[in-house]
Amino acid sequence: MFAKERQEDIVNKINLQGSVKVKDLALEYDVTEDCIRKDLSLLERQGLLKKEYGGAISIRNNPHLYSSTDRKKTPNNERIIIAQKAIELINENETIYLDVSLSSLEIAILLNESSKELTIITNMIDVLNTLRANQNIKLIFIGGTINHEGDAFWDSMSCMMLDYFRIDKAFLGVVGVNTNNGQISTYYIDDGFMKRKVIAQSHKSYLMCESRKFKEDGDFIFGSLNDIDGLIVSDITDNLNDFDVDII
């Protein structure tokens, strides 16, 4: 294998796995560890990865507040798949929390078409509007201070309201999932504290994660993959064996 081919293969591997180790690459390509280090240095200068002690990790993006309005206009089959998987986890007469997330909105749309009798707690206005006329659903809205996009409420008052509820299952949105260290993140501090409170109040909590979010980070870390019970994805995800979380 030529050096260029090896370097392209390393980039593909790190984009897929999230991280690589020098000693493993040296064995795989039958070259010296010094040769691999030179490859990684070159690829880092090209902006294709980030070197770390003993190896390298993928370059992670900060999406910097994608507009929810723009996201709503963009078709996304992943969110539909995630919502369909979430629906299978919801049983009759349970108390369910739907976090501010477009995947939550897809769940609400499916629940509105079903005959399940449930209690739904949410802080997302679109979920409220979708389910408000459903006679099978007892709908509880968490108030507080509206966020700047105008699609949800969160603040210290919102967190205090959650103290009074026992939640069977919570479905949470996320901005970024780092499979190297397990950190899960979001854009806003208030949103992050809301998610932490919901996890604490829930018997089971599930994170809804589109594939791009494994390569992105938010500004506020609200927990770890070990804090949640399940990760709902549209496709099977590798590099999660080190965490105590079910992949759904």
C-alpha atoms as a PDB file:
ATOM      1  CA  MET A   1       0.000   0.000   0.000  1.00  0.00           C
ATOM      2  CA  PHE A   2       1.313   3.431  -0.969  1.00  0.00           C
ATOM      3  CA  ALA A   3       1.610   6.156   1.695  1.00  0.00           C
ATOM      4  CA  LYS A   4      -1.248   8.150   0.147  1.00  0.00           C
ATOM      5  CA  GLU A   5      -3.551   5.133   0.195  1.00  0.00           C
ATOM      6  CA  ARG A   6      -2.609   4.373   3.814  1.00  0.00           C
ATOM      7  CA  GLN A   7      -3.316   7.955   4.864  1.00  0.00           C
ATOM      8  CA  GLU A   8      -6.705   7.962   3.116  1.00  0.00           C
ATOM      9  CA  ASP A   9      -7.517   4.684   4.825  1.00  0.00           C
ATOM     10  CA  ILE A  10      -6.544   6.140   8.214  1.00  0.00           C
ATOM     11  CA  VAL A  11      -8.870   9.118   7.655  1.00  0.00           C
ATOM     12  CA  ASN A  12     -11.737   6.793   6.708  1.00  0.00           C
ATOM     13  CA  LYS A  13     -11.063   4.658   9.763  1.00  0.00           C
ATOM     14  CA  ILE A  14     -10.989   7.593  12.181  1.00  0.00           C
ATOM     15  CA  ASN A  15     -14.169   9.099  10.722  1.00  0.00           C
ATOM     16  CA  LEU A  16     -15.900   5.765  11.248  1.00  0.00           C
ATOM     17  CA  GLN A  17     -14.486   4.848  14.660  1.00  0.00           C
ATOM     18  CA  GLY A  18     -13.852   8.284  16.164  1.00  0.00           C
ATOM     19  CA  SER A  19     -10.292   7.471  17.265  1.00  0.00           C
ATOM     20  CA  VAL A  20      -7.224   5.380  16.365  1.00  0.00           C
ATOM     21  CA  LYS A  21      -4.052   4.280  18.158  1.00  0.00           C
ATOM     22  CA  VAL A  22      -0.554   4.492  16.715  1.00  0.00           C
ATOM     23  CA  LYS A  23       0.449   0.978  17.792  1.00  0.00           C
ATOM     24  CA  ASP A  24      -2.678  -0.574  16.250  1.00  0.00           C
ATOM     25  CA  LEU A  25      -2.170   1.228  12.942  1.00  0.00           C
ATOM     26  CA  ALA A  26       1.491   0.228  12.822  1.00  0.00           C
ATOM     27  CA  LEU A  27       0.538  -3.436  13.199  1.00  0.00           C
ATOM     28  CA  GLU A  28      -2.313  -3.220  10.700  1.00  0.00           C
ATOM     29  CA  TYR A  29      -0.254  -1.549   7.952  1.00  0.00           C
ATOM     30  CA  ASP A  30       3.007  -3.348   8.834  1.00  0.00           C
ATOM     31  CA  VAL A  31       4.988  -0.116   9.206  1.00  0.00           C
ATOM     32  CA  THR A  32       6.857   1.496  12.099  1.00  0.00           C
ATOM     33  CA  GLU A  33       5.093   3.563  14.738  1.00  0.00           C
ATOM     34  CA  ASP A  34       7.261   6.511  13.688  1.00  0.00           C
ATOM     35  CA  CYS A  35       5.872   6.182  10.166  1.00  0.00           C
ATOM     36  CA  ILE A  36       2.318   6.314  11.516  1.00  0.00           C
ATOM     37  CA  ARG A  37       3.144   9.357  13.636  1.00  0.00           C
ATOM     38  CA  LYS A  38       4.373  11.151  10.514  1.00  0.00           C
ATOM     39  CA  ASP A  39       1.152  10.191   8.727  1.00  0.00           C
ATOM     40  CA  LEU A  40      -0.922  11.582  11.588  1.00  0.00           C
ATOM     41  CA  SER A  41       1.101  14.806  11.700  1.00  0.00           C
ATOM     42  CA  LEU A  42       0.553  15.309   7.976  1.00  0.00           C
ATOM     43  CA  LEU A  43      -3.170  14.597   8.248  1.00  0.00           C
ATOM     44  CA  GLU A  44      -3.478  16.959  11.217  1.00  0.00           C
ATOM     45  CA  ARG A  45      -1.872  19.778   9.201  1.00  0.00           C
ATOM     46  CA  GLN A  46      -4.447  19.092   6.500  1.00  0.00           C
ATOM     47  CA  GLY A  47      -7.213  19.485   9.082  1.00  0.00           C
ATOM     48  CA  LEU A  48      -8.398  15.885   8.738  1.00  0.00           C
ATOM     49  CA  LEU A  49      -7.870  14.734  12.334  1.00  0.00           C
ATOM     50  CA  LYS A  50      -6.512  15.807  15.708  1.00  0.00           C
ATOM     51  CA  LYS A  51      -3.441  14.143  17.200  1.00  0.00           C
ATOM     52  CA  GLU A  52      -3.539  12.989  20.799  1.00  0.00           C
ATOM     53  CA  TYR A  53      -1.080  11.079  22.962  1.00  0.00           C
ATOM     54  CA  GLY A  54      -0.717   7.608  21.465  1.00  0.00           C
ATOM     55  CA  GLY A  55      -3.034   8.210  18.549  1.00  0.00           C
ATOM     56  CA  ALA A  56      -5.566  10.603  17.045  1.00  0.00           C
ATOM     57  CA  ILE A  57      -9.261  11.480  17.178  1.00  0.00           C
ATOM     58  CA  SER A  58     -11.722  12.765  14.611  1.00  0.00           C
ATOM     59  CA  ILE A  59     -12.337  16.470  14.123  1.00  0.00           C
ATOM     60  CA  ARG A  60     -15.609  17.324  15.853  1.00  0.00           C
ATOM     61  CA  ASN A  61     -17.864  20.179  14.761  1.00  0.00           C
ATOM     62  CA  ASN A  62     -19.791  22.691  16.804  1.00  0.00           C
ATOM     63  CA  PRO A  63     -22.954  23.348  14.787  1.00  0.00           C
ATOM     64  CA  HIS A  64     -23.407  26.732  16.512  1.00  0.00           C
ATOM     65  CA  LEU A  65     -27.146  26.814  16.988  1.00  0.00           C
ATOM     66  CA  TYR A  66     -28.764  25.419  13.891  1.00  0.00           C
ATOM     67  CA  SER A  67     -32.064  27.265  13.578  1.00  0.00           C
ATOM     68  CA  SER A  68     -34.965  25.017  14.586  1.00  0.00           C
ATOM     69  CA  THR A  69     -37.080  26.769  11.947  1.00  0.00           C
ATOM     70  CA  ASP A  70     -34.611  25.774   9.240  1.00  0.00           C
ATOM     71  CA  ARG A  71     -34.408  22.198  10.567  1.00  0.00           C
ATOM     72  CA  LYS A  72     -38.182  21.831  10.456  1.00  0.00           C
ATOM     73  CA  LYS A  73     -38.130  22.680   6.753  1.00  0.00           C
ATOM     74  CA  THR A  74     -35.514  20.010   6.007  1.00  0.00           C
ATOM     75  CA  PRO A  75     -36.821  16.448   5.428  1.00  0.00           C
ATOM     76  CA  ASN A  76     -35.147  13.992   7.774  1.00  0.00           C
ATOM     77  CA  ASN A  77     -35.879  10.268   7.562  1.00  0.00           C
ATOM     78  CA  GLU A  78     -33.596   9.593  10.525  1.00  0.00           C
ATOM     79  CA  ARG A  79     -35.923  11.427  12.895  1.00  0.00           C
ATOM     80  CA  ILE A  80     -38.870   9.381  11.622  1.00  0.00           C
ATOM     81  CA  ILE A  81     -36.986   6.110  12.181  1.00  0.00           C
ATOM     82  CA  ILE A  82     -35.973   7.220  15.673  1.00  0.00           C
ATOM     83  CA  ALA A  83     -39.571   8.176  16.513  1.00  0.00           C
ATOM     84  CA  GLN A  84     -40.861   4.804  15.298  1.00  0.00           C
ATOM     85  CA  LYS A  85     -38.379   3.025  17.555  1.00  0.00           C
ATOM     86  CA  ALA A  86     -39.360   5.250  20.478  1.00  0.00           C
ATOM     87  CA  ILE A  87     -43.055   4.461  20.027  1.00  0.00           C
ATOM     88  CA  GLU A  88     -42.315   0.751  20.468  1.00  0.00           C
ATOM     89  CA  LEU A  89     -40.912   1.517  23.939  1.00  0.00           C
ATOM     90  CA  ILE A  90     -44.042   3.347  25.113  1.00  0.00           C
ATOM     91  CA  ASN A  91     -46.657   1.277  26.942  1.00  0.00           C
ATOM     92  CA  GLU A  92     -50.264   2.036  27.780  1.00  0.00           C
ATOM     93  CA  ASN A  93     -50.923   4.328  30.785  1.00  0.00           C
ATOM     94  CA  GLU A  94     -47.295   5.412  31.198  1.00  0.00           C
ATOM     95  CA  THR A  95     -46.115   8.922  32.009  1.00  0.00           C
ATOM     96  CA  ILE A  96     -43.827  10.057  29.192  1.00  0.00           C
ATOM     97  CA  TYR A  97     -41.595  13.115  28.938  1.00  0.00           C
ATOM     98  CA  LEU A  98     -40.937  14.563  25.471  1.00  0.00           C
ATOM     99  CA  ASP A  99     -37.971  16.934  25.486  1.00  0.00           C
ATOM    100  CA  VAL A 100     -37.516  19.860  23.112  1.00  0.00           C
ATOM    101  CA  SER A 101     -36.385  18.047  19.960  1.00  0.00           C
ATOM    102  CA  LEU A 102     -37.655  17.586  16.430  1.00  0.00           C
ATOM    103  CA  SER A 103     -37.550  13.844  17.096  1.00  0.00           C
ATOM    104  CA  SER A 104     -39.959  14.503  19.992  1.00  0.00           C
ATOM    105  CA  LEU A 105     -42.266  16.235  17.536  1.00  0.00           C
ATOM    106  CA  GLU A 106     -42.185  13.136  15.293  1.00  0.00           C
ATOM    107  CA  ILE A 107     -43.074  11.001  18.345  1.00  0.00           C
ATOM    108  CA  ALA A 108     -45.974  13.344  19.127  1.00  0.00           C
ATOM    109  CA  ILE A 109     -47.271  13.038  15.564  1.00  0.00           C
ATOM    110  CA  LEU A 110     -47.240   9.237  15.827  1.00  0.00           C
ATOM    111  CA  LEU A 111     -48.853   9.262  19.271  1.00  0.00           C
ATOM    112  CA  ASN A 112     -51.603  11.532  17.982  1.00  0.00           C
ATOM    113  CA  GLU A 113     -52.421   8.888  15.380  1.00  0.00           C
ATOM    114  CA  SER A 114     -52.442   6.068  17.939  1.00  0.00           C
ATOM    115  CA  SER A 115     -55.052   5.052  20.516  1.00  0.00           C
ATOM    116  CA  LYS A 116     -52.656   4.768  23.469  1.00  0.00           C
ATOM    117  CA  GLU A 117     -53.817   6.321  26.734  1.00  0.00           C
ATOM    118  CA  LEU A 118     -50.883   8.206  28.223  1.00  0.00           C
ATOM    119  CA  THR A 119     -49.778  11.122  30.311  1.00  0.00           C
ATOM    120  CA  ILE A 120     -47.407  13.304  28.295  1.00  0.00           C
ATOM    121  CA  ILE A 121     -45.212  15.943  29.943  1.00  0.00           C
ATOM    122  CA  THR A 122     -43.364  18.362  27.677  1.00  0.00           C
ATOM    123  CA  ASN A 123     -41.789  21.808  27.511  1.00  0.00           C
ATOM    124  CA  MET A 124     -41.970  21.979  23.696  1.00  0.00           C
ATOM    125  CA  ILE A 125     -44.707  24.135  22.169  1.00  0.00           C
ATOM    126  CA  ASP A 126     -44.991  22.102  18.940  1.00  0.00           C
ATOM    127  CA  VAL A 127     -45.590  18.929  20.957  1.00  0.00           C
ATOM    128  CA  LEU A 128     -48.279  20.759  22.959  1.00  0.00           C
ATOM    129  CA  ASN A 129     -50.010  21.941  19.775  1.00  0.00           C
ATOM    130  CA  THR A 130     -49.833  18.481  18.194  1.00  0.00           C
ATOM    131  CA  LEU A 131     -51.393  16.625  21.144  1.00  0.00           C
ATOM    132  CA  ARG A 132     -53.694  19.198  22.755  1.00  0.00           C
ATOM    133  CA  ALA A 133     -56.904  17.875  21.133  1.00  0.00           C
ATOM    134  CA  ASN A 134     -56.138  14.170  21.718  1.00  0.00           C
ATOM    135  CA  GLN A 135     -58.723  12.777  24.150  1.00  0.00           C
ATOM    136  CA  ASN A 136     -56.570   9.734  25.005  1.00  0.00           C
ATOM    137  CA  ILE A 137     -53.682  11.846  26.289  1.00  0.00           C
ATOM    138  CA  LYS A 138     -53.441  13.772  29.527  1.00  0.00           C
ATOM    139  CA  LEU A 139     -51.141  16.613  28.539  1.00  0.00           C
ATOM    140  CA  ILE A 140     -49.011  18.509  31.069  1.00  0.00           C
ATOM    141  CA  PHE A 141     -47.000  21.506  29.914  1.00  0.00           C
ATOM    142  CA  ILE A 142     -43.881  22.691  31.738  1.00  0.00           C
ATOM    143  CA  GLY A 143     -43.772  26.492  31.742  1.00  0.00           C
ATOM    144  CA  GLY A 144     -41.103  29.030  32.596  1.00  0.00           C
ATOM    145  CA  THR A 145     -39.139  31.365  30.331  1.00  0.00           C
ATOM    146  CA  ILE A 146     -39.463  30.866  26.587  1.00  0.00           C
ATOM    147  CA  ASN A 147     -36.218  30.331  24.680  1.00  0.00           C
ATOM    148  CA  HIS A 148     -35.072  32.756  21.995  1.00  0.00           C
ATOM    149  CA  GLU A 149     -36.318  30.535  19.139  1.00  0.00           C
ATOM    150  CA  GLY A 150     -39.753  30.503  20.725  1.00  0.00           C
ATOM    151  CA  ASP A 151     -40.235  26.746  20.586  1.00  0.00           C
ATOM    152  CA  ALA A 152     -39.813  25.695  24.234  1.00  0.00           C
ATOM    153  CA  PHE A 153     -39.679  26.830  27.866  1.00  0.00           C
ATOM    154  CA  TRP A 154     -36.806  26.291  30.283  1.00  0.00           C
ATOM    155  CA  ASP A 155     -35.370  27.984  33.365  1.00  0.00           C
ATOM    156  CA  SER A 156     -35.070  27.378  37.111  1.00  0.00           C
ATOM    157  CA  MET A 157     -38.868  27.488  37.465  1.00  0.00           C
ATOM    158  CA  SER A 158     -39.188  24.766  34.818  1.00  0.00           C
ATOM    159  CA  CYS A 159     -36.745  22.578  36.751  1.00  0.00           C
ATOM    160  CA  MET A 160     -38.688  23.162  39.977  1.00  0.00           C
ATOM    161  CA  MET A 161     -41.927  22.044  38.329  1.00  0.00           C
ATOM    162  CA  LEU A 162     -40.314  18.733  37.382  1.00  0.00           C
ATOM    163  CA  ASP A 163     -39.702  17.975  41.069  1.00  0.00           C
ATOM    164  CA  TYR A 164     -43.391  17.103  41.397  1.00  0.00           C
ATOM    165  CA  PHE A 165     -43.500  14.416  38.698  1.00  0.00           C
ATOM    166  CA  ARG A 166     -42.523  10.780  38.483  1.00  0.00           C
ATOM    167  CA  ILE A 167     -41.706   9.965  34.872  1.00  0.00           C
ATOM    168  CA  ASP A 168     -41.765   6.419  33.510  1.00  0.00           C
ATOM    169  CA  LYS A 169     -39.807   7.136  30.330  1.00  0.00           C
ATOM    170  CA  ALA A 170     -38.141  10.277  29.027  1.00  0.00           C
ATOM    171  CA  PHE A 171     -37.089  10.917  25.447  1.00  0.00           C
ATOM    172  CA  LEU A 172     -34.372  13.551  25.168  1.00  0.00           C
ATOM    173  CA  GLY A 173     -32.815  15.458  22.310  1.00  0.00           C
ATOM    174  CA  VAL A 174     -29.072  16.041  22.114  1.00  0.00           C
ATOM    175  CA  VAL A 175     -26.690  18.253  20.135  1.00  0.00           C
ATOM    176  CA  GLY A 176     -23.555  16.136  20.412  1.00  0.00           C
ATOM    177  CA  VAL A 177     -22.514  12.651  21.551  1.00  0.00           C
ATOM    178  CA  ASN A 178     -18.801  12.011  22.024  1.00  0.00           C
ATOM    179  CA  THR A 179     -18.163   8.272  21.817  1.00  0.00           C
ATOM    180  CA  ASN A 180     -14.546   8.721  22.945  1.00  0.00           C
ATOM    181  CA  ASN A 181     -15.334  10.062  26.418  1.00  0.00           C
ATOM    182  CA  GLY A 182     -19.107   9.552  26.634  1.00  0.00           C
ATOM    183  CA  GLN A 183     -19.974  13.237  27.016  1.00  0.00           C
ATOM    184  CA  ILE A 184     -23.427  14.347  25.852  1.00  0.00           C
ATOM    185  CA  SER A 185     -23.990  18.040  25.172  1.00  0.00           C
ATOM    186  CA  THR A 186     -26.489  20.688  24.150  1.00  0.00           C
ATOM    187  CA  TYR A 187     -26.490  24.363  23.148  1.00  0.00           C
ATOM    188  CA  TYR A 188     -27.900  26.120  26.195  1.00  0.00           C
ATOM    189  CA  ILE A 189     -27.143  25.901  29.909  1.00  0.00           C
ATOM    190  CA  ASP A 190     -30.841  26.088  30.877  1.00  0.00           C
ATOM    191  CA  ASP A 191     -31.696  23.311  28.423  1.00  0.00           C
ATOM    192  CA  GLY A 192     -28.848  21.222  29.839  1.00  0.00           C
ATOM    193  CA  PHE A 193     -30.070  21.625  33.427  1.00  0.00           C
ATOM    194  CA  MET A 194     -33.592  20.700  32.313  1.00  0.00           C
ATOM    195  CA  LYS A 195     -32.293  17.507  30.716  1.00  0.00           C
ATOM    196  CA  ARG A 196     -30.327  16.624  33.854  1.00  0.00           C
ATOM    197  CA  LYS A 197     -33.432  17.125  35.998  1.00  0.00           C
ATOM    198  CA  VAL A 198     -35.550  14.997  33.658  1.00  0.00           C
ATOM    199  CA  ILE A 199     -32.986  12.169  33.766  1.00  0.00           C
ATOM    200  CA  ALA A 200     -33.031  12.293  37.576  1.00  0.00           C
ATOM    201  CA  GLN A 201     -36.862  12.176  37.688  1.00  0.00           C
ATOM    202  CA  SER A 202     -37.233   9.340  35.157  1.00  0.00           C
ATOM    203  CA  HIS A 203     -37.307   5.599  35.676  1.00  0.00           C
ATOM    204  CA  LYS A 204     -35.787   5.223  32.210  1.00  0.00           C
ATOM    205  CA  SER A 205     -34.309   7.892  29.941  1.00  0.00           C
ATOM    206  CA  TYR A 206     -33.518   7.615  26.246  1.00  0.00           C
ATOM    207  CA  LEU A 207     -31.351   9.845  24.090  1.00  0.00           C
ATOM    208  CA  MET A 208     -32.506  10.358  20.491  1.00  0.00           C
ATOM    209  CA  CYS A 209     -29.489  10.723  18.238  1.00  0.00           C
ATOM    210  CA  GLU A 210     -29.172  11.319  14.509  1.00  0.00           C
ATOM    211  CA  SER A 211     -25.916  10.048  12.965  1.00  0.00           C
ATOM    212  CA  ARG A 212     -24.392  13.516  12.453  1.00  0.00           C
ATOM    213  CA  LYS A 213     -24.515  14.168  16.196  1.00  0.00           C
ATOM    214  CA  PHE A 214     -21.749  11.643  16.834  1.00  0.00           C
ATOM    215  CA  LYS A 215     -19.420  14.137  15.127  1.00  0.00           C
ATOM    216  CA  GLU A 216     -20.732  17.296  16.766  1.00  0.00           C
ATOM    217  CA  ASP A 217     -20.514  18.976  20.165  1.00  0.00           C
ATOM    218  CA  GLY A 218     -22.676  21.512  21.943  1.00  0.00           C
ATOM    219  CA  ASP A 219     -21.357  24.145  24.332  1.00  0.00           C
ATOM    220  CA  PHE A 220     -22.798  22.648  27.552  1.00  0.00           C
ATOM    221  CA  ILE A 221     -22.106  19.100  28.757  1.00  0.00           C
ATOM    222  CA  PHE A 222     -25.195  17.889  30.619  1.00  0.00           C
ATOM    223  CA  GLY A 223     -24.140  14.318  31.298  1.00  0.00           C
ATOM    224  CA  SER A 224     -22.591  11.074  30.141  1.00  0.00           C
ATOM    225  CA  LEU A 225     -23.804   8.108  28.128  1.00  0.00           C
ATOM    226  CA  ASN A 226     -23.582   6.174  31.395  1.00  0.00           C
ATOM    227  CA  ASP A 227     -26.315   8.433  32.835  1.00  0.00           C
ATOM    228  CA  ILE A 228     -28.973   7.268  30.382  1.00  0.00           C
ATOM    229  CA  ASP A 229     -30.599   3.895  29.769  1.00  0.00           C
ATOM    230  CA  GLY A 230     -30.779   3.830  25.996  1.00  0.00           C
ATOM    231  CA  LEU A 231     -29.518   5.512  22.851  1.00  0.00           C
ATOM    232  CA  ILE A 232     -32.068   5.534  20.025  1.00  0.00           C
ATOM    233  CA  VAL A 233     -30.370   5.741  16.634  1.00  0.00           C
ATOM    234  CA  SER A 234     -31.414   5.282  13.019  1.00  0.00           C
ATOM    235  CA  ASP A 235     -28.537   2.876  12.382  1.00  0.00           C
ATOM    236  CA  ILE A 236     -26.209   0.687  14.448  1.00  0.00           C
ATOM    237  CA  THR A 237     -23.342   2.679  15.940  1.00  0.00           C
ATOM    238  CA  ASP A 238     -19.889   1.305  16.800  1.00  0.00           C
ATOM    239  CA  ASN A 239     -17.431   2.422  19.491  1.00  0.00           C
ATOM    240  CA  LEU A 240     -19.983   2.351  22.318  1.00  0.00           C
ATOM    241  CA  ASN A 241     -18.942  -0.856  24.060  1.00  0.00           C
ATOM    242  CA  ASP A 242     -17.269   1.037  26.910  1.00  0.00           C
ATOM    243  CA  PHE A 243     -20.541   2.591  28.056  1.00  0.00           C
ATOM    244  CA  ASP A 244     -23.412   1.116  30.038  1.00  0.00           C
ATOM    245  CA  VAL A 245     -26.125   2.035  27.562  1.00  0.00           C
ATOM    246  CA  ASP A 246     -28.477   0.038  25.344  1.00  0.00           C
ATOM    247  CA  ILE A 247     -28.390   0.785  21.625  1.00  0.00           C
ATOM    248  CA  ILE A 248     -31.890   0.812  20.182  1.00  0.00           C
END
